[in-house]
Amino acid sequence: MNRPFPACYGVYGRAVVSRLSGDPALYSRGGFLGAARQALTKLGVTWEPSESERDYNEGRSTQIPLNPVVQVRGRFSRRLRDGKQELVLINAKQVKR
């Protein structure tokens, strides 16, 4: 499939045909979260992993974060989504450390 796959306004990704449903799906090595992070970087948005993801990666938690969450610095109001899955954006100023 050579058609671009829309993720949000002005952001497109490569699409492949899903083996399960036959519908077009976003293709990325890191899954939807990897594609969303790549899009944020290309748009010039400063982001960092969520606190729960950092805790898991540093061994402070055994709970694996399932929902795609990213902390952003500055203003960003677009909605990145792939079908029913949507990237949750948390303003880094609101996070207490």
Protein backbone atom coordinates (compact mmCIF):
# COMPACT_ATOMS: atom_id res chain seq x y z
CA MET A 1 0.00 0.00 0.00
CA ASN A 2 1.53 3.31 -1.09
CA ARG A 3 -1.09 5.64 0.36
CA PRO A 4 -0.07 7.95 3.26
CA PHE A 5 -1.80 7.23 6.56
CA PRO A 6 -3.11 10.34 8.41
CA ALA A 7 -2.19 10.53 12.11
CA CYS A 8 -3.36 14.13 12.70
CA TYR A 9 -3.53 17.45 10.87
CA GLY A 10 -0.41 17.67 8.71
CA VAL A 11 1.15 14.44 10.00
CA TYR A 12 1.18 11.34 7.83
CA GLY A 13 2.85 7.98 8.18
CA ARG A 14 3.42 4.89 6.10
CA ALA A 15 0.52 2.47 5.98
CA VAL A 16 0.48 -1.30 5.67
CA VAL A 17 -2.46 -3.65 5.33
CA SER A 18 -3.27 -5.32 8.63
CA ARG A 19 -3.06 -9.11 8.46
CA LEU A 20 -5.86 -9.39 11.02
CA SER A 21 -8.50 -7.03 9.69
CA GLY A 22 -7.35 -6.11 6.18
CA ASP A 23 -7.66 -2.41 7.03
CA PRO A 24 -4.80 0.08 6.60
CA ALA A 25 -2.66 0.44 9.73
CA LEU A 26 0.20 2.75 10.68
CA TYR A 27 3.62 1.11 10.23
CA SER A 28 6.47 1.94 12.58
CA ARG A 29 9.16 -0.12 14.31
CA GLY A 30 8.24 1.32 17.69
CA GLY A 31 4.52 0.92 17.12
CA PHE A 32 2.14 3.83 17.49
CA LEU A 33 4.12 5.36 20.38
CA GLY A 34 7.34 5.33 18.33
CA ALA A 35 5.62 6.95 15.36
CA ALA A 36 4.00 9.59 17.58
CA ARG A 37 7.33 10.44 19.23
CA GLN A 38 8.98 10.73 15.83
CA ALA A 39 6.19 13.06 14.67
CA LEU A 40 6.58 15.26 17.77
CA THR A 41 10.34 15.49 17.17
CA LYS A 42 9.84 16.43 13.51
CA LEU A 43 7.30 19.08 14.52
CA GLY A 44 9.86 20.63 16.89
CA VAL A 45 7.99 19.76 20.09
CA THR A 46 10.15 19.10 23.15
CA TRP A 47 8.94 15.91 24.82
CA GLU A 48 10.09 13.39 27.37
CA PRO A 49 8.83 9.96 28.49
CA SER A 50 6.08 9.80 31.08
CA GLU A 51 6.89 9.30 34.75
CA SER A 52 5.44 5.77 34.74
CA GLU A 53 7.61 4.81 31.75
CA ARG A 54 10.72 6.24 33.44
CA ASP A 55 9.91 4.33 36.63
CA TYR A 56 9.59 1.07 34.69
CA ASN A 57 12.80 1.63 32.70
CA GLU A 58 14.78 2.50 35.85
CA GLY A 59 13.50 -0.54 37.73
CA ARG A 60 11.42 1.35 40.31
CA SER A 61 8.20 -0.28 39.12
CA THR A 62 7.17 -3.61 37.61
CA GLN A 63 4.00 -2.22 36.02
CA ILE A 64 4.29 -1.91 32.26
CA PRO A 65 2.64 1.29 30.95
CA LEU A 66 0.05 0.35 28.30
CA ASN A 67 -1.38 3.71 27.28
CA PRO A 68 0.84 5.91 25.09
CA VAL A 69 1.63 8.92 27.30
CA VAL A 70 4.22 11.64 26.65
CA GLN A 71 5.12 14.77 28.62
CA VAL A 72 5.44 17.84 26.41
CA ARG A 73 7.07 21.16 27.16
CA GLY A 74 5.40 24.20 25.69
CA ARG A 75 2.18 24.42 23.74
CA PHE A 76 0.97 21.58 21.56
CA SER A 77 -2.73 20.93 20.99
CA ARG A 78 -2.92 18.46 18.10
CA ARG A 79 -4.36 15.00 18.63
CA LEU A 80 -2.16 12.18 17.36
CA ARG A 81 -4.17 9.02 16.84
CA ASP A 82 -4.20 5.71 15.01
CA GLY A 83 -7.74 4.42 14.79
CA LYS A 84 -8.99 4.17 18.38
CA GLN A 85 -5.56 4.63 20.01
CA GLU A 86 -4.67 8.23 20.88
CA LEU A 87 -1.49 9.72 22.32
CA VAL A 88 -2.11 11.27 25.74
CA LEU A 89 -0.20 14.53 26.20
CA ILE A 90 0.69 15.75 29.69
CA ASN A 91 2.08 19.22 30.22
CA ALA A 92 5.48 18.82 31.90
CA LYS A 93 4.78 21.86 34.15
CA GLN A 94 1.89 20.03 35.81
CA VAL A 95 3.98 17.00 36.80
CA LYS A 96 5.33 17.05 40.34
CA ARG A 97 8.75 15.47 40.81
